[in-house]
Each structure stands twice: as C-alpha cells, then as structure tokens.
Amino acid sequence: MRHNKDTLWKGVLQWVLADLLRFVFPNAEEVFDFDRKFVYLDKELAQLDAGAGKRTDIRYADNLVKVFRKDGEEEWVLVHVEVQDATKAADRPLFPERMFRYYYRSFDRHQKPVVAIAILCGPDGELLKGGYRHEFMNTSVQYDYNTLCILDYSDMELEESDNPFARR
C-alpha cells in the first residue's frame, strides 16, 4: 500500500501542474495549450509501475498526464516526485533506472512522446540528478530526464519568482 503522503503529493501536483511546467520549461507558454484540460492517467501509470511490490523507504508520487501542445499534438508528461530518506544510500542507483523504465514502458504502451520531470526534495537530491546509462558490447542506451531539485533554490529566489509554483 502506498504511503498517504504519496496521495497528498499527487493532489498537489494536479493542483500546480501548469505552474510546474512553466517553472521547469521557460518556453512552456509557447509550447503547451493551457486552455485545454490535463488528462491524468493514474490507472495507466499503475499498470506501468516499475517497482510494484518492492519494499523501500523512498516515497514516490508519480503522475502520467496527457497534455496538449499549441499545435494540437498530444504529449505525455511523467511527473515523478522523489521524497527520499537520506540514510538510504543503497536505493539511489535504482532511481535513474526506475525513471528509464517508466519512460520506455509508457512509450511502448502508448507510442506517445514522454517528457519526464523528476522533482527531488531530499537533502541529497543532487546525487539523483543525471540519467540512466547502460552499455554492453557496443550496445548502449542513454536516457536523460529533467530534474528539479528543490534545495537548489534559495528562499529568496523562490519568493522573488513570479511563478506560483515557486511560492506554494
């Protein structure tokens, strides 16, 4: 069973998603059609869960959301919130692979572009930035995703931002 805080994070993400997209992507107003409603695909994401049944102290709250571009095309946005217990160093290497699995499972199932954003809230979120890489005998894959490490921003920076996501 998921932790109750995961449900809270999911609700918060749905409430602030447009502002989050504007915060992460400076050109969001030019790309996304914010007049169209977002379609939340939680049931779809649950079927793709790369870590189902695995016990961990790291808390995840994920949203897979269908958004529309201004040119009318559909995009799928995976928003992944990572709230980490800083003492669980052994779990850190699993995070990039988990992001990659969500990406390829979403893409494989729906054949839609996936934009991934990892929101890192823990004190060592910097250690989870980057991407996933696997290589063996001249076959390789490199997967990079957007990261937003909350602790990278000073209180002053956030207070001075005109983006409501920064001030919530």
N, C-alpha and C. Protein backbone atom coordinates (compact mmCIF):
# COMPACT_ATOMS: atom_id res chain seq x y z
N MET A 1 0.84 -1.19 0.00
CA MET A 1 0.00 0.00 0.00
C MET A 1 0.89 1.25 0.00
N ARG A 2 0.53 2.21 -0.79
CA ARG A 2 1.27 3.46 -0.87
C ARG A 2 1.07 4.29 0.38
N HIS A 3 2.04 5.06 0.70
CA HIS A 3 2.00 5.93 1.86
C HIS A 3 1.01 7.07 1.61
N ASN A 4 0.32 7.54 2.64
CA ASN A 4 -0.67 8.61 2.49
C ASN A 4 -0.05 9.89 1.94
N LYS A 5 1.24 10.12 2.22
CA LYS A 5 1.89 11.32 1.68
C LYS A 5 1.97 11.27 0.16
N ASP A 6 2.05 10.06 -0.41
CA ASP A 6 2.06 9.93 -1.87
C ASP A 6 0.77 10.49 -2.45
N THR A 7 -0.35 10.16 -1.81
CA THR A 7 -1.65 10.67 -2.26
C THR A 7 -1.68 12.18 -2.17
N LEU A 8 -1.13 12.72 -1.11
CA LEU A 8 -1.07 14.18 -0.94
C LEU A 8 -0.24 14.81 -2.06
N TRP A 9 0.93 14.23 -2.35
CA TRP A 9 1.77 14.75 -3.42
C TRP A 9 1.04 14.71 -4.76
N LYS A 10 0.34 13.61 -5.03
CA LYS A 10 -0.41 13.52 -6.28
C LYS A 10 -1.42 14.65 -6.41
N GLY A 11 -2.13 14.92 -5.32
CA GLY A 11 -3.10 16.01 -5.32
C GLY A 11 -2.46 17.36 -5.54
N VAL A 12 -1.33 17.58 -4.87
CA VAL A 12 -0.62 18.85 -5.02
C VAL A 12 -0.15 19.01 -6.47
N LEU A 13 0.41 17.95 -7.04
CA LEU A 13 0.89 18.03 -8.42
C LEU A 13 -0.24 18.35 -9.39
N GLN A 14 -1.41 17.78 -9.16
CA GLN A 14 -2.53 18.09 -10.05
C GLN A 14 -2.95 19.54 -9.91
N TRP A 15 -2.84 20.07 -8.73
CA TRP A 15 -3.23 21.45 -8.46
C TRP A 15 -2.27 22.45 -9.10
N VAL A 16 -0.98 22.12 -9.17
CA VAL A 16 0.04 23.08 -9.62
C VAL A 16 0.72 22.68 -10.93
N LEU A 17 0.19 21.72 -11.66
CA LEU A 17 0.91 21.21 -12.82
C LEU A 17 1.22 22.29 -13.86
N ALA A 18 0.27 23.13 -14.18
CA ALA A 18 0.54 24.17 -15.18
C ALA A 18 1.68 25.08 -14.73
N ASP A 19 1.67 25.45 -13.46
CA ASP A 19 2.75 26.31 -12.94
C ASP A 19 4.07 25.56 -12.90
N LEU A 20 4.04 24.26 -12.60
CA LEU A 20 5.26 23.46 -12.61
C LEU A 20 5.85 23.44 -14.02
N LEU A 21 5.03 23.22 -15.03
CA LEU A 21 5.53 23.21 -16.41
C LEU A 21 6.14 24.56 -16.78
N ARG A 22 5.51 25.63 -16.34
CA ARG A 22 6.05 26.97 -16.60
C ARG A 22 7.37 27.19 -15.87
N PHE A 23 7.50 26.61 -14.68
CA PHE A 23 8.71 26.76 -13.87
C PHE A 23 9.88 25.99 -14.48
N VAL A 24 9.61 24.76 -14.93
CA VAL A 24 10.67 23.90 -15.46
C VAL A 24 11.05 24.29 -16.89
N PHE A 25 10.06 24.68 -17.69
CA PHE A 25 10.31 24.98 -19.10
C PHE A 25 9.99 26.45 -19.37
N PRO A 26 11.00 27.29 -19.53
CA PRO A 26 10.77 28.72 -19.74
C PRO A 26 9.88 29.03 -20.95
N ASN A 27 9.84 28.16 -21.94
CA ASN A 27 9.03 28.38 -23.13
C ASN A 27 7.68 27.65 -23.07
N ALA A 28 7.25 27.26 -21.89
CA ALA A 28 6.02 26.46 -21.74
C ALA A 28 4.80 27.16 -22.35
N GLU A 29 4.69 28.45 -22.22
CA GLU A 29 3.53 29.19 -22.77
C GLU A 29 3.47 29.07 -24.28
N GLU A 30 4.63 28.96 -24.92
CA GLU A 30 4.69 28.84 -26.37
C GLU A 30 4.41 27.41 -26.84
N VAL A 31 4.65 26.43 -25.97
CA VAL A 31 4.56 25.03 -26.35
C VAL A 31 3.22 24.40 -25.96
N PHE A 32 2.80 24.59 -24.71
CA PHE A 32 1.63 23.90 -24.19
C PHE A 32 0.36 24.73 -24.32
N ASP A 33 -0.74 24.05 -24.59
CA ASP A 33 -2.05 24.70 -24.67
C ASP A 33 -2.70 24.60 -23.29
N PHE A 34 -2.50 25.62 -22.48
CA PHE A 34 -3.01 25.61 -21.11
C PHE A 34 -4.52 25.84 -21.04
N ASP A 35 -5.15 26.15 -22.17
CA ASP A 35 -6.61 26.29 -22.18
C ASP A 35 -7.31 24.92 -22.23
N ARG A 36 -6.58 23.89 -22.62
CA ARG A 36 -7.15 22.54 -22.65
C ARG A 36 -6.86 21.85 -21.33
N LYS A 37 -7.79 21.03 -20.89
CA LYS A 37 -7.64 20.34 -19.61
C LYS A 37 -6.58 19.25 -19.72
N PHE A 38 -5.89 19.05 -18.60
CA PHE A 38 -4.95 17.93 -18.49
C PHE A 38 -5.76 16.66 -18.24
N VAL A 39 -5.26 15.55 -18.76
CA VAL A 39 -5.90 14.26 -18.53
C VAL A 39 -4.92 13.42 -17.71
N TYR A 40 -5.32 13.10 -16.48
CA TYR A 40 -4.46 12.35 -15.58
C TYR A 40 -4.66 10.86 -15.79
N LEU A 41 -3.57 10.15 -15.96
CA LEU A 41 -3.60 8.75 -16.35
C LEU A 41 -3.05 7.86 -15.23
N ASP A 42 -3.54 8.05 -14.02
CA ASP A 42 -3.04 7.30 -12.88
C ASP A 42 -3.20 5.79 -13.06
N LYS A 43 -4.33 5.37 -13.61
CA LYS A 43 -4.54 3.93 -13.81
C LYS A 43 -3.53 3.39 -14.81
N GLU A 44 -3.26 4.18 -15.84
CA GLU A 44 -2.25 3.78 -16.83
C GLU A 44 -0.89 3.64 -16.16
N LEU A 45 -0.54 4.60 -15.32
CA LEU A 45 0.75 4.59 -14.68
C LEU A 45 0.87 3.42 -13.71
N ALA A 46 -0.18 3.11 -12.99
CA ALA A 46 -0.15 1.98 -12.05
C ALA A 46 0.18 0.68 -12.79
N GLN A 47 -0.31 0.54 -14.01
CA GLN A 47 -0.04 -0.66 -14.79
C GLN A 47 1.41 -0.71 -15.27
N LEU A 48 2.07 0.44 -15.29
CA LEU A 48 3.45 0.51 -15.76
C LEU A 48 4.46 0.51 -14.63
N ASP A 49 4.00 0.50 -13.38
CA ASP A 49 4.86 0.69 -12.22
C ASP A 49 6.05 -0.25 -12.25
N ALA A 50 7.23 0.34 -12.34
CA ALA A 50 8.46 -0.44 -12.41
C ALA A 50 8.84 -1.04 -11.07
N GLY A 51 8.26 -0.54 -9.99
CA GLY A 51 8.67 -1.01 -8.68
C GLY A 51 7.55 -1.65 -7.89
N ALA A 52 6.50 -2.05 -8.55
CA ALA A 52 5.36 -2.64 -7.84
C ALA A 52 5.81 -3.84 -7.03
N GLY A 53 5.38 -3.87 -5.77
CA GLY A 53 5.69 -4.99 -4.90
C GLY A 53 7.04 -4.93 -4.24
N LYS A 54 7.86 -3.96 -4.59
CA LYS A 54 9.16 -3.84 -3.95
C LYS A 54 9.05 -2.94 -2.73
N ARG A 55 9.63 -3.37 -1.63
CA ARG A 55 9.57 -2.59 -0.40
C ARG A 55 10.75 -1.62 -0.38
N THR A 56 10.47 -0.36 -0.08
CA THR A 56 11.51 0.65 0.01
C THR A 56 11.05 1.77 0.92
N ASP A 57 12.00 2.49 1.50
CA ASP A 57 11.66 3.63 2.34
C ASP A 57 11.62 4.92 1.53
N ILE A 58 11.97 4.85 0.25
CA ILE A 58 11.87 6.01 -0.61
C ILE A 58 10.42 6.13 -1.03
N ARG A 59 9.87 7.31 -0.95
CA ARG A 59 8.46 7.54 -1.29
C ARG A 59 8.38 8.13 -2.69
N TYR A 60 7.51 7.60 -3.49
CA TYR A 60 7.30 8.07 -4.84
C TYR A 60 5.87 8.56 -5.01
N ALA A 61 5.71 9.62 -5.70
CA ALA A 61 4.38 10.04 -6.13
C ALA A 61 4.54 10.41 -7.60
N ASP A 62 3.87 9.71 -8.43
CA ASP A 62 4.06 9.88 -9.86
C ASP A 62 2.74 10.24 -10.52
N ASN A 63 2.83 11.04 -11.54
CA ASN A 63 1.67 11.35 -12.36
C ASN A 63 2.06 11.18 -13.82
N LEU A 64 1.23 10.50 -14.57
CA LEU A 64 1.37 10.46 -16.02
C LEU A 64 0.20 11.27 -16.54
N VAL A 65 0.50 12.31 -17.29
CA VAL A 65 -0.52 13.28 -17.67
C VAL A 65 -0.48 13.52 -19.17
N LYS A 66 -1.66 13.49 -19.79
CA LYS A 66 -1.75 13.85 -21.20
C LYS A 66 -1.97 15.35 -21.26
N VAL A 67 -1.10 16.03 -21.97
CA VAL A 67 -1.22 17.47 -22.18
C VAL A 67 -1.25 17.71 -23.68
N PHE A 68 -1.66 18.89 -24.06
CA PHE A 68 -1.74 19.22 -25.48
C PHE A 68 -0.82 20.40 -25.79
N ARG A 69 -0.19 20.30 -26.94
CA ARG A 69 0.64 21.40 -27.41
C ARG A 69 -0.24 22.40 -28.14
N LYS A 70 0.29 23.56 -28.34
CA LYS A 70 -0.47 24.59 -29.06
C LYS A 70 -0.72 24.19 -30.51
N ASP A 71 0.13 23.32 -31.05
CA ASP A 71 -0.09 22.88 -32.43
C ASP A 71 -1.11 21.74 -32.51
N GLY A 72 -1.72 21.37 -31.36
CA GLY A 72 -2.76 20.37 -31.33
C GLY A 72 -2.28 18.96 -31.04
N GLU A 73 -0.98 18.72 -31.10
CA GLU A 73 -0.44 17.39 -30.83
C GLU A 73 -0.53 17.04 -29.35
N GLU A 74 -0.67 15.74 -29.07
CA GLU A 74 -0.67 15.26 -27.69
C GLU A 74 0.76 15.06 -27.22
N GLU A 75 0.98 15.32 -25.97
CA GLU A 75 2.24 14.98 -25.31
C GLU A 75 1.88 14.29 -24.01
N TRP A 76 2.77 13.48 -23.52
CA TRP A 76 2.58 12.81 -22.25
C TRP A 76 3.68 13.29 -21.32
N VAL A 77 3.31 13.71 -20.15
CA VAL A 77 4.27 14.23 -19.20
C VAL A 77 4.27 13.31 -17.98
N LEU A 78 5.42 12.78 -17.67
CA LEU A 78 5.60 11.98 -16.47
C LEU A 78 6.21 12.88 -15.41
N VAL A 79 5.47 13.11 -14.35
CA VAL A 79 5.99 13.92 -13.24
C VAL A 79 6.24 12.96 -12.09
N HIS A 80 7.47 12.91 -11.67
CA HIS A 80 7.88 11.97 -10.64
C HIS A 80 8.42 12.77 -9.45
N VAL A 81 7.80 12.63 -8.30
CA VAL A 81 8.29 13.31 -7.10
C VAL A 81 9.05 12.31 -6.27
N GLU A 82 10.25 12.65 -5.91
CA GLU A 82 11.11 11.81 -5.10
C GLU A 82 11.27 12.45 -3.73
N VAL A 83 10.77 11.81 -2.71
CA VAL A 83 10.96 12.26 -1.34
C VAL A 83 11.78 11.16 -0.68
N GLN A 84 13.03 11.46 -0.41
CA GLN A 84 13.99 10.42 -0.06
C GLN A 84 14.45 10.52 1.38
N ASP A 85 14.61 9.37 2.00
CA ASP A 85 15.27 9.25 3.29
C ASP A 85 16.76 9.27 2.99
N ALA A 86 17.45 10.30 3.44
CA ALA A 86 18.85 10.50 3.10
C ALA A 86 19.74 9.36 3.58
N THR A 87 19.26 8.53 4.48
CA THR A 87 20.09 7.45 5.00
C THR A 87 20.06 6.22 4.11
N LYS A 88 19.23 6.20 3.10
CA LYS A 88 19.08 5.02 2.25
C LYS A 88 19.93 5.13 0.99
N ALA A 89 21.24 5.24 1.17
CA ALA A 89 22.15 5.40 0.04
C ALA A 89 22.07 4.24 -0.94
N ALA A 90 21.74 3.06 -0.46
CA ALA A 90 21.68 1.88 -1.34
C ALA A 90 20.57 2.01 -2.38
N ASP A 91 19.54 2.82 -2.11
CA ASP A 91 18.43 2.95 -3.05
C ASP A 91 18.70 3.95 -4.18
N ARG A 92 19.72 4.80 -4.03
CA ARG A 92 19.98 5.85 -5.02
C ARG A 92 20.20 5.33 -6.43
N PRO A 93 20.99 4.28 -6.63
CA PRO A 93 21.22 3.82 -8.01
C PRO A 93 19.96 3.33 -8.70
N LEU A 94 18.94 2.97 -7.98
CA LEU A 94 17.72 2.46 -8.58
C LEU A 94 16.87 3.56 -9.20
N PHE A 95 17.04 4.79 -8.76
CA PHE A 95 16.18 5.88 -9.22
C PHE A 95 16.29 6.14 -10.72
N PRO A 96 17.49 6.35 -11.29
CA PRO A 96 17.57 6.59 -12.74
C PRO A 96 17.01 5.42 -13.56
N GLU A 97 17.25 4.20 -13.11
CA GLU A 97 16.70 3.05 -13.84
C GLU A 97 15.18 3.05 -13.77
N ARG A 98 14.64 3.42 -12.63
CA ARG A 98 13.18 3.47 -12.49
C ARG A 98 12.59 4.53 -13.43
N MET A 99 13.24 5.68 -13.52
CA MET A 99 12.79 6.72 -14.45
C MET A 99 12.81 6.18 -15.89
N PHE A 100 13.89 5.49 -16.23
CA PHE A 100 14.01 4.92 -17.58
C PHE A 100 12.91 3.91 -17.84
N ARG A 101 12.62 3.04 -16.88
CA ARG A 101 11.58 2.03 -17.07
C ARG A 101 10.21 2.66 -17.29
N TYR A 102 9.89 3.69 -16.51
CA TYR A 102 8.63 4.40 -16.73
C TYR A 102 8.58 4.97 -18.15
N TYR A 103 9.71 5.55 -18.58
CA TYR A 103 9.75 6.12 -19.92
C TYR A 103 9.48 5.05 -20.98
N TYR A 104 10.28 3.99 -20.97
CA TYR A 104 10.12 3.04 -22.08
C TYR A 104 8.82 2.27 -21.98
N ARG A 105 8.32 2.02 -20.79
CA ARG A 105 7.02 1.33 -20.68
C ARG A 105 5.88 2.23 -21.16
N SER A 106 5.97 3.51 -20.83
CA SER A 106 4.94 4.46 -21.31
C SER A 106 4.99 4.58 -22.82
N PHE A 107 6.20 4.75 -23.34
CA PHE A 107 6.35 4.89 -24.78
C PHE A 107 5.92 3.62 -25.51
N ASP A 108 6.34 2.48 -25.00
CA ASP A 108 6.00 1.21 -25.64
C ASP A 108 4.49 0.99 -25.65
N ARG A 109 3.84 1.31 -24.57
CA ARG A 109 2.40 1.06 -24.46
C ARG A 109 1.57 2.03 -25.30
N HIS A 110 1.98 3.31 -25.35
CA HIS A 110 1.14 4.34 -25.96
C HIS A 110 1.71 4.97 -27.22
N GLN A 111 2.96 4.71 -27.52
CA GLN A 111 3.61 5.29 -28.69
C GLN A 111 3.44 6.81 -28.73
N LYS A 112 3.57 7.44 -27.56
CA LYS A 112 3.48 8.89 -27.44
C LYS A 112 4.76 9.41 -26.81
N PRO A 113 5.20 10.61 -27.21
CA PRO A 113 6.38 11.19 -26.58
C PRO A 113 6.16 11.36 -25.07
N VAL A 114 7.19 11.14 -24.30
CA VAL A 114 7.12 11.28 -22.85
C VAL A 114 8.16 12.31 -22.42
N VAL A 115 7.70 13.33 -21.72
CA VAL A 115 8.59 14.31 -21.12
C VAL A 115 8.63 13.99 -19.63
N ALA A 116 9.81 13.71 -19.11
CA ALA A 116 9.91 13.32 -17.70
C ALA A 116 10.53 14.44 -16.88
N ILE A 117 9.95 14.64 -15.70
CA ILE A 117 10.45 15.62 -14.75
C ILE A 117 10.58 14.91 -13.41
N ALA A 118 11.77 14.90 -12.86
CA ALA A 118 11.98 14.34 -11.52
C ALA A 118 12.12 15.52 -10.56
N ILE A 119 11.22 15.58 -9.59
CA ILE A 119 11.30 16.61 -8.57
C ILE A 119 11.96 15.98 -7.35
N LEU A 120 13.12 16.48 -7.02
CA LEU A 120 13.93 15.89 -5.95
C LEU A 120 13.85 16.78 -4.72
N CYS A 121 13.29 16.24 -3.66
CA CYS A 121 13.02 17.02 -2.46
C CYS A 121 13.99 16.74 -1.32
N GLY A 122 14.70 15.65 -1.38
CA GLY A 122 15.56 15.27 -0.27
C GLY A 122 16.83 16.08 -0.21
N PRO A 123 17.52 16.03 0.94
CA PRO A 123 18.74 16.81 1.12
C PRO A 123 19.89 16.37 0.22
N ASP A 124 19.83 15.18 -0.32
CA ASP A 124 20.88 14.76 -1.24
C ASP A 124 20.33 14.50 -2.64
N GLY A 125 19.35 15.30 -3.03
CA GLY A 125 18.76 15.17 -4.35
C GLY A 125 19.76 15.34 -5.48
N GLU A 126 20.82 16.11 -5.24
CA GLU A 126 21.85 16.31 -6.25
C GLU A 126 22.43 14.98 -6.73
N LEU A 127 22.47 14.01 -5.83
CA LEU A 127 23.05 12.70 -6.17
C LEU A 127 22.16 11.92 -7.13
N LEU A 128 20.91 12.32 -7.28
CA LEU A 128 19.99 11.60 -8.16
C LEU A 128 19.83 12.28 -9.51
N LYS A 129 20.46 13.42 -9.69
CA LYS A 129 20.38 14.10 -10.98
C LYS A 129 21.12 13.29 -12.02
N GLY A 130 20.80 13.56 -13.26
CA GLY A 130 21.51 12.90 -14.34
C GLY A 130 20.58 12.06 -15.17
N GLY A 131 20.99 10.85 -15.41
CA GLY A 131 20.20 9.98 -16.24
C GLY A 131 20.60 8.54 -16.04
N TYR A 132 20.09 7.72 -16.93
CA TYR A 132 20.35 6.29 -16.87
C TYR A 132 21.19 5.91 -18.09
N ARG A 133 22.21 5.12 -17.86
CA ARG A 133 23.05 4.65 -18.96
C ARG A 133 23.32 3.17 -18.74
N HIS A 134 23.18 2.42 -19.84
CA HIS A 134 23.53 1.00 -19.82
C HIS A 134 24.30 0.71 -21.09
N GLU A 135 25.39 -0.02 -20.95
CA GLU A 135 26.22 -0.34 -22.12
C GLU A 135 26.80 -1.73 -21.94
N PHE A 136 26.78 -2.48 -23.02
CA PHE A 136 27.40 -3.80 -23.04
C PHE A 136 27.71 -4.17 -24.48
N MET A 137 28.94 -4.49 -24.75
CA MET A 137 29.40 -4.98 -26.05
C MET A 137 28.90 -4.11 -27.21
N ASN A 138 29.19 -2.84 -27.15
CA ASN A 138 28.88 -1.87 -28.20
C ASN A 138 27.39 -1.61 -28.38
N THR A 139 26.58 -2.03 -27.45
CA THR A 139 25.16 -1.69 -27.46
C THR A 139 24.93 -0.84 -26.22
N SER A 140 24.32 0.33 -26.42
CA SER A 140 24.15 1.22 -25.27
C SER A 140 22.86 2.01 -25.39
N VAL A 141 22.42 2.48 -24.23
CA VAL A 141 21.28 3.38 -24.16
C VAL A 141 21.62 4.46 -23.14
N GLN A 142 21.29 5.69 -23.49
CA GLN A 142 21.46 6.82 -22.58
C GLN A 142 20.12 7.52 -22.48
N TYR A 143 19.59 7.60 -21.26
CA TYR A 143 18.30 8.26 -21.03
C TYR A 143 18.51 9.40 -20.04
N ASP A 144 18.18 10.60 -20.48
CA ASP A 144 18.29 11.79 -19.64
C ASP A 144 16.89 12.33 -19.40
N TYR A 145 16.67 12.87 -18.23
CA TYR A 145 15.37 13.43 -17.86
C TYR A 145 15.58 14.76 -17.17
N ASN A 146 14.52 15.56 -17.15
CA ASN A 146 14.56 16.84 -16.48
C ASN A 146 14.54 16.63 -14.97
N THR A 147 15.33 17.41 -14.26
CA THR A 147 15.31 17.34 -12.80
C THR A 147 15.08 18.73 -12.23
N LEU A 148 14.35 18.74 -11.15
CA LEU A 148 14.12 19.97 -10.40
C LEU A 148 14.43 19.63 -8.95
N CYS A 149 15.58 20.09 -8.49
CA CYS A 149 16.00 19.85 -7.11
C CYS A 149 15.59 21.07 -6.29
N ILE A 150 14.58 20.88 -5.44
CA ILE A 150 14.01 21.99 -4.68
C ILE A 150 15.06 22.74 -3.88
N LEU A 151 16.02 22.03 -3.31
CA LEU A 151 17.01 22.67 -2.45
C LEU A 151 18.08 23.44 -3.24
N ASP A 152 18.01 23.40 -4.58
CA ASP A 152 18.92 24.21 -5.40
C ASP A 152 18.52 25.69 -5.38
N TYR A 153 17.31 25.97 -4.94
CA TYR A 153 16.80 27.34 -4.95
C TYR A 153 16.81 27.91 -3.54
N SER A 154 17.27 29.14 -3.43
CA SER A 154 17.24 29.80 -2.13
C SER A 154 15.82 30.28 -1.85
N ASP A 155 15.52 30.49 -0.59
CA ASP A 155 14.21 31.03 -0.23
C ASP A 155 13.97 32.36 -0.94
N MET A 156 15.01 33.18 -1.04
CA MET A 156 14.87 34.49 -1.69
C MET A 156 14.52 34.33 -3.17
N GLU A 157 15.21 33.40 -3.86
CA GLU A 157 14.93 33.16 -5.28
C GLU A 157 13.47 32.77 -5.48
N LEU A 158 13.00 31.88 -4.64
CA LEU A 158 11.63 31.40 -4.77
C LEU A 158 10.62 32.50 -4.46
N GLU A 159 10.89 33.29 -3.44
CA GLU A 159 9.99 34.38 -3.08
C GLU A 159 9.93 35.44 -4.16
N GLU A 160 11.04 35.67 -4.85
CA GLU A 160 11.09 36.71 -5.89
C GLU A 160 10.52 36.23 -7.22
N SER A 161 10.33 34.93 -7.37
CA SER A 161 9.80 34.40 -8.62
C SER A 161 8.34 34.81 -8.79
N ASP A 162 7.96 35.10 -10.03
CA ASP A 162 6.56 35.42 -10.29
C ASP A 162 5.75 34.16 -10.62
N ASN A 163 6.38 32.99 -10.57
CA ASN A 163 5.70 31.73 -10.83
C ASN A 163 5.08 31.21 -9.54
N PRO A 164 3.78 30.98 -9.54
CA PRO A 164 3.11 30.50 -8.32
C PRO A 164 3.67 29.17 -7.81
N PHE A 165 4.23 28.32 -8.69
CA PHE A 165 4.81 27.06 -8.24
C PHE A 165 5.94 27.33 -7.25
N ALA A 166 6.68 28.37 -7.46
CA ALA A 166 7.82 28.69 -6.61
C ALA A 166 7.39 29.15 -5.22
N ARG A 167 6.19 29.66 -5.11
CA ARG A 167 5.76 30.25 -3.84
C ARG A 167 4.76 29.38 -3.10
N ARG A 168 4.42 28.23 -3.58
CA ARG A 168 3.38 27.40 -2.91
C ARG A 168 3.95 26.66 -1.74
